[in-house]
Amino acid sequence: MASLRLSNSAFQDEALYLYHGHWMIDSWLHGADLDSNPSAWFTGAPQLYPVLAALLDGVGGLELARLFSTLCMLSATVAVHWTANTSSGAPARCASASSRPWCSPSAAPSSS
C-alpha cells in the first residue's frame, strides 16, 4: 500500500511550482515578503502558473494540478499548430505540433 501511495507523489519540478505557489498565496494573504525572484528561475508566467496550480492543488489535490498542467500543454500544442496552419501548409503544421514535446526541457531524460 505504501508503494502505491508514493508512486503518485509530485516530481521535483511539480513540487517546486506548487510549493512556490502556496508560498505566494500565503504571502498575499498574510502580508509576508517574498524574498525570491521567481522569474529568475521559472519559465513561462512565474506569477500566474504556480499560483493557479497551488489553488487547484488545494481544491483537488495533485491530480487537479496535473490536469491543469496537461491542459496548458495541450493549449500550447494547439497554439503552435494553429500558428503553423495560418502561416504554412499541412506538413509544417504537423511537424511543428508533433515536435513540441521533443523540444521542451521536460522531454530530457531524468536522472532519477
N, C-alpha and C. Protein backbone atom coordinates (compact mmCIF):
# COMPACT_ATOMS: atom_id res chain seq x y z
N MET A 1 0.82 -1.19 0.00
CA MET A 1 0.00 0.00 0.00
C MET A 1 0.86 1.26 0.00
N ALA A 2 1.97 1.23 0.72
CA ALA A 2 2.85 2.41 0.78
C ALA A 2 3.46 2.71 -0.58
N SER A 3 3.80 1.68 -1.36
CA SER A 3 4.38 1.92 -2.68
C SER A 3 3.35 2.53 -3.62
N LEU A 4 2.09 2.16 -3.50
CA LEU A 4 1.04 2.76 -4.32
C LEU A 4 0.87 4.23 -3.97
N ARG A 5 0.92 4.54 -2.69
CA ARG A 5 0.77 5.92 -2.26
C ARG A 5 1.94 6.78 -2.71
N LEU A 6 3.14 6.27 -2.63
CA LEU A 6 4.32 7.03 -3.01
C LEU A 6 4.50 7.14 -4.52
N SER A 7 3.86 6.27 -5.28
CA SER A 7 4.01 6.33 -6.73
C SER A 7 3.30 7.54 -7.33
N ASN A 8 2.42 8.16 -6.60
CA ASN A 8 1.69 9.31 -7.10
C ASN A 8 2.17 10.61 -6.44
N SER A 9 3.39 10.63 -5.97
CA SER A 9 3.91 11.85 -5.37
C SER A 9 4.38 12.80 -6.46
N ALA A 10 4.54 14.05 -6.11
CA ALA A 10 4.92 15.07 -7.08
C ALA A 10 6.39 14.93 -7.46
N PHE A 11 6.68 15.20 -8.72
CA PHE A 11 8.06 15.25 -9.17
C PHE A 11 8.70 16.53 -8.63
N GLN A 12 10.01 16.64 -8.75
CA GLN A 12 10.71 17.79 -8.17
C GLN A 12 10.22 19.12 -8.75
N ASP A 13 10.09 19.19 -10.07
CA ASP A 13 9.65 20.45 -10.67
C ASP A 13 8.19 20.76 -10.33
N GLU A 14 7.35 19.73 -10.27
CA GLU A 14 5.96 19.94 -9.86
C GLU A 14 5.90 20.46 -8.43
N ALA A 15 6.66 19.82 -7.56
CA ALA A 15 6.66 20.23 -6.15
C ALA A 15 7.18 21.65 -5.99
N LEU A 16 8.18 22.02 -6.77
CA LEU A 16 8.73 23.38 -6.68
C LEU A 16 7.69 24.42 -7.09
N TYR A 17 7.00 24.18 -8.19
CA TYR A 17 5.96 25.11 -8.64
C TYR A 17 4.83 25.19 -7.62
N LEU A 18 4.38 24.03 -7.12
CA LEU A 18 3.28 24.03 -6.15
C LEU A 18 3.71 24.69 -4.84
N TYR A 19 4.90 24.38 -4.36
CA TYR A 19 5.39 24.98 -3.12
C TYR A 19 5.49 26.50 -3.25
N HIS A 20 6.05 26.94 -4.37
CA HIS A 20 6.19 28.39 -4.55
C HIS A 20 4.82 29.05 -4.70
N GLY A 21 3.89 28.39 -5.37
CA GLY A 21 2.54 28.93 -5.50
C GLY A 21 1.85 29.06 -4.16
N HIS A 22 1.97 28.04 -3.32
CA HIS A 22 1.40 28.13 -1.97
C HIS A 22 2.09 29.23 -1.16
N TRP A 23 3.37 29.36 -1.35
CA TRP A 23 4.14 30.40 -0.65
C TRP A 23 3.68 31.80 -1.08
N MET A 24 3.43 31.98 -2.39
CA MET A 24 2.95 33.28 -2.88
C MET A 24 1.55 33.59 -2.34
N ILE A 25 0.69 32.59 -2.31
CA ILE A 25 -0.66 32.80 -1.79
C ILE A 25 -0.61 33.17 -0.31
N ASP A 26 0.21 32.46 0.47
CA ASP A 26 0.38 32.80 1.89
C ASP A 26 0.93 34.21 2.06
N SER A 27 1.82 34.58 1.18
CA SER A 27 2.39 35.93 1.23
C SER A 27 1.31 36.98 0.99
N TRP A 28 0.46 36.73 0.01
CA TRP A 28 -0.60 37.69 -0.29
C TRP A 28 -1.63 37.77 0.82
N LEU A 29 -1.96 36.62 1.41
CA LEU A 29 -2.98 36.61 2.45
C LEU A 29 -2.49 37.16 3.78
N HIS A 30 -1.24 36.91 4.11
CA HIS A 30 -0.72 37.28 5.42
C HIS A 30 0.27 38.43 5.39
N GLY A 31 0.57 38.96 4.21
CA GLY A 31 1.43 40.12 4.10
C GLY A 31 2.92 39.88 4.27
N ALA A 32 3.34 38.63 4.25
CA ALA A 32 4.78 38.34 4.37
C ALA A 32 5.49 38.66 3.06
N ASP A 33 6.74 39.05 3.18
CA ASP A 33 7.52 39.37 1.98
C ASP A 33 8.06 38.10 1.35
N LEU A 34 8.07 38.10 0.02
CA LEU A 34 8.72 37.01 -0.71
C LEU A 34 10.16 37.44 -0.93
N ASP A 35 11.09 36.64 -0.49
CA ASP A 35 12.49 37.01 -0.64
C ASP A 35 13.14 36.30 -1.82
N SER A 36 12.37 36.06 -2.86
CA SER A 36 12.92 35.43 -4.06
C SER A 36 12.34 36.10 -5.29
N ASN A 37 12.99 35.87 -6.40
CA ASN A 37 12.55 36.40 -7.68
C ASN A 37 12.19 35.21 -8.57
N PRO A 38 10.92 34.82 -8.60
CA PRO A 38 10.56 33.61 -9.35
C PRO A 38 10.83 33.70 -10.84
N SER A 39 10.82 34.88 -11.42
CA SER A 39 11.08 34.99 -12.85
C SER A 39 12.53 34.69 -13.19
N ALA A 40 13.40 34.66 -12.21
CA ALA A 40 14.80 34.33 -12.47
C ALA A 40 15.00 32.83 -12.66
N TRP A 41 14.14 31.99 -12.10
CA TRP A 41 14.35 30.56 -12.21
C TRP A 41 13.13 29.77 -12.66
N PHE A 42 11.99 30.44 -12.91
CA PHE A 42 10.83 29.79 -13.50
C PHE A 42 10.67 30.26 -14.93
N THR A 43 10.17 29.37 -15.79
CA THR A 43 9.87 29.77 -17.16
C THR A 43 8.39 30.08 -17.28
N GLY A 44 8.02 30.68 -18.37
CA GLY A 44 6.61 30.96 -18.60
C GLY A 44 6.10 32.14 -17.80
N ALA A 45 5.02 31.94 -17.09
CA ALA A 45 4.39 33.01 -16.31
C ALA A 45 4.59 32.70 -14.82
N PRO A 46 5.72 33.10 -14.24
CA PRO A 46 6.03 32.69 -12.86
C PRO A 46 5.12 33.28 -11.79
N GLN A 47 4.39 34.33 -12.09
CA GLN A 47 3.45 34.88 -11.11
C GLN A 47 2.05 34.32 -11.31
N LEU A 48 1.81 33.62 -12.41
CA LEU A 48 0.48 33.13 -12.72
C LEU A 48 0.35 31.62 -12.55
N TYR A 49 1.18 30.87 -13.24
CA TYR A 49 1.03 29.41 -13.23
C TYR A 49 1.20 28.80 -11.84
N PRO A 50 2.24 29.12 -11.07
CA PRO A 50 2.35 28.49 -9.75
C PRO A 50 1.17 28.79 -8.82
N VAL A 51 0.63 29.99 -8.91
CA VAL A 51 -0.49 30.36 -8.06
C VAL A 51 -1.74 29.58 -8.46
N LEU A 52 -2.03 29.51 -9.76
CA LEU A 52 -3.20 28.74 -10.21
C LEU A 52 -3.05 27.26 -9.88
N ALA A 53 -1.85 26.72 -10.10
CA ALA A 53 -1.62 25.31 -9.78
C ALA A 53 -1.76 25.06 -8.28
N ALA A 54 -1.28 25.98 -7.45
CA ALA A 54 -1.41 25.81 -6.00
C ALA A 54 -2.87 25.91 -5.56
N LEU A 55 -3.63 26.80 -6.17
CA LEU A 55 -5.06 26.88 -5.84
C LEU A 55 -5.77 25.57 -6.20
N LEU A 56 -5.46 25.04 -7.39
CA LEU A 56 -6.07 23.78 -7.80
C LEU A 56 -5.59 22.62 -6.94
N ASP A 57 -4.33 22.67 -6.50
CA ASP A 57 -3.80 21.65 -5.59
C ASP A 57 -4.55 21.68 -4.27
N GLY A 58 -4.87 22.87 -3.80
CA GLY A 58 -5.62 22.99 -2.55
C GLY A 58 -7.05 22.50 -2.67
N VAL A 59 -7.63 22.66 -3.85
CA VAL A 59 -9.02 22.25 -4.06
C VAL A 59 -9.14 20.76 -4.38
N GLY A 60 -8.33 20.30 -5.35
CA GLY A 60 -8.49 18.93 -5.82
C GLY A 60 -7.26 18.06 -5.71
N GLY A 61 -6.22 18.55 -5.07
CA GLY A 61 -5.02 17.75 -4.90
C GLY A 61 -4.12 17.76 -6.13
N LEU A 62 -3.15 16.90 -6.08
CA LEU A 62 -2.14 16.83 -7.14
C LEU A 62 -2.75 16.45 -8.49
N GLU A 63 -3.79 15.65 -8.48
CA GLU A 63 -4.43 15.23 -9.72
C GLU A 63 -5.01 16.42 -10.48
N LEU A 64 -5.66 17.33 -9.77
CA LEU A 64 -6.23 18.51 -10.43
C LEU A 64 -5.14 19.44 -10.92
N ALA A 65 -4.07 19.58 -10.16
CA ALA A 65 -2.94 20.40 -10.60
C ALA A 65 -2.30 19.80 -11.85
N ARG A 66 -2.20 18.48 -11.91
CA ARG A 66 -1.64 17.82 -13.10
C ARG A 66 -2.57 17.96 -14.30
N LEU A 67 -3.87 17.90 -14.07
CA LEU A 67 -4.83 18.10 -15.16
C LEU A 67 -4.69 19.51 -15.73
N PHE A 68 -4.53 20.49 -14.85
CA PHE A 68 -4.32 21.88 -15.30
C PHE A 68 -3.04 21.98 -16.13
N SER A 69 -1.98 21.33 -15.68
CA SER A 69 -0.71 21.34 -16.40
C SER A 69 -0.87 20.69 -17.78
N THR A 70 -1.62 19.59 -17.83
CA THR A 70 -1.87 18.93 -19.11
C THR A 70 -2.66 19.82 -20.04
N LEU A 71 -3.65 20.53 -19.52
CA LEU A 71 -4.43 21.44 -20.35
C LEU A 71 -3.56 22.60 -20.87
N CYS A 72 -2.64 23.07 -20.05
CA CYS A 72 -1.71 24.11 -20.50
C CYS A 72 -0.84 23.60 -21.64
N MET A 73 -0.34 22.37 -21.51
CA MET A 73 0.50 21.77 -22.55
C MET A 73 -0.30 21.57 -23.83
N LEU A 74 -1.52 21.08 -23.71
CA LEU A 74 -2.34 20.87 -24.89
C LEU A 74 -2.70 22.20 -25.57
N SER A 75 -2.96 23.22 -24.78
CA SER A 75 -3.27 24.52 -25.39
C SER A 75 -2.05 25.10 -26.10
N ALA A 76 -0.85 24.88 -25.57
CA ALA A 76 0.37 25.33 -26.24
C ALA A 76 0.56 24.58 -27.56
N THR A 77 0.27 23.28 -27.57
CA THR A 77 0.39 22.49 -28.79
C THR A 77 -0.62 22.95 -29.83
N VAL A 78 -1.83 23.22 -29.42
CA VAL A 78 -2.85 23.71 -30.35
C VAL A 78 -2.46 25.09 -30.89
N ALA A 79 -1.89 25.94 -30.04
CA ALA A 79 -1.46 27.27 -30.50
C ALA A 79 -0.34 27.16 -31.53
N VAL A 80 0.59 26.25 -31.33
CA VAL A 80 1.67 26.03 -32.31
C VAL A 80 1.09 25.50 -33.62
N HIS A 81 0.17 24.57 -33.52
CA HIS A 81 -0.47 24.00 -34.71
C HIS A 81 -1.25 25.08 -35.45
N TRP A 82 -1.99 25.89 -34.74
CA TRP A 82 -2.77 26.96 -35.37
C TRP A 82 -1.86 27.98 -36.05
N THR A 83 -0.77 28.36 -35.38
CA THR A 83 0.17 29.32 -35.96
C THR A 83 0.79 28.77 -37.24
N ALA A 84 1.20 27.51 -37.20
CA ALA A 84 1.78 26.89 -38.40
C ALA A 84 0.73 26.74 -39.49
N ASN A 85 -0.50 26.48 -39.11
CA ASN A 85 -1.58 26.33 -40.07
C ASN A 85 -1.85 27.63 -40.81
N THR A 86 -1.79 28.74 -40.10
CA THR A 86 -2.07 30.02 -40.74
C THR A 86 -0.88 30.55 -41.54
N SER A 87 0.32 30.07 -41.24
CA SER A 87 1.49 30.60 -41.92
C SER A 87 2.07 29.67 -42.97
N SER A 88 1.71 28.38 -42.97
CA SER A 88 2.26 27.44 -43.95
C SER A 88 1.33 26.25 -44.12
N GLY A 89 1.77 25.26 -44.87
CA GLY A 89 0.92 24.13 -45.23
C GLY A 89 0.86 23.02 -44.21
N ALA A 90 0.21 21.93 -44.63
CA ALA A 90 -0.03 20.79 -43.74
C ALA A 90 1.25 20.13 -43.22
N PRO A 91 2.28 19.92 -44.02
CA PRO A 91 3.48 19.27 -43.46
C PRO A 91 4.13 20.09 -42.35
N ALA A 92 4.15 21.40 -42.49
CA ALA A 92 4.77 22.24 -41.47
C ALA A 92 3.98 22.23 -40.18
N ARG A 93 2.66 22.28 -40.26
CA ARG A 93 1.87 22.31 -39.03
C ARG A 93 1.93 20.97 -38.30
N CYS A 94 1.96 19.87 -39.03
CA CYS A 94 2.07 18.57 -38.37
C CYS A 94 3.45 18.39 -37.74
N ALA A 95 4.48 18.82 -38.43
CA ALA A 95 5.83 18.71 -37.89
C ALA A 95 6.01 19.59 -36.66
N SER A 96 5.46 20.80 -36.71
CA SER A 96 5.63 21.70 -35.56
C SER A 96 4.86 21.21 -34.34
N ALA A 97 3.65 20.74 -34.54
CA ALA A 97 2.86 20.26 -33.40
C ALA A 97 3.42 18.97 -32.82
N SER A 98 3.95 18.10 -33.68
CA SER A 98 4.49 16.84 -33.16
C SER A 98 5.87 17.01 -32.54
N SER A 99 6.60 18.06 -32.91
CA SER A 99 7.93 18.26 -32.34
C SER A 99 7.88 18.98 -31.00
N ARG A 100 6.76 19.54 -30.62
CA ARG A 100 6.65 20.29 -29.36
C ARG A 100 7.08 19.50 -28.13
N PRO A 101 6.60 18.26 -27.95
CA PRO A 101 7.04 17.53 -26.75
C PRO A 101 8.52 17.19 -26.76
N TRP A 102 9.11 17.03 -27.93
CA TRP A 102 10.52 16.65 -28.01
C TRP A 102 11.45 17.84 -27.85
N CYS A 103 10.95 19.04 -28.03
CA CYS A 103 11.80 20.23 -27.93
C CYS A 103 11.75 20.88 -26.55
N SER A 104 10.85 20.45 -25.72
CA SER A 104 10.72 21.08 -24.41
C SER A 104 11.74 20.52 -23.44
N PRO A 105 12.13 21.30 -22.43
CA PRO A 105 13.08 20.81 -21.44
C PRO A 105 12.57 19.60 -20.67
N SER A 106 11.26 19.44 -20.57
CA SER A 106 10.72 18.31 -19.82
C SER A 106 10.90 16.99 -20.56
N ALA A 107 11.26 17.04 -21.86
CA ALA A 107 11.46 15.81 -22.62
C ALA A 107 12.83 15.20 -22.36
N ALA A 108 13.70 15.92 -21.70
CA ALA A 108 15.03 15.39 -21.41
C ALA A 108 14.93 14.22 -20.42
N PRO A 109 15.75 13.21 -20.61
CA PRO A 109 15.69 12.08 -19.68
C PRO A 109 16.05 12.51 -18.28
N SER A 110 15.34 11.99 -17.31
CA SER A 110 15.62 12.38 -15.93
C SER A 110 16.71 11.51 -15.37
N SER A 111 17.40 12.01 -14.37
CA SER A 111 18.49 11.27 -13.77
C SER A 111 18.03 10.41 -12.59
N SER A 112 16.72 10.45 -12.29
CA SER A 112 16.24 9.66 -11.15
C SER A 112 15.85 8.26 -11.53
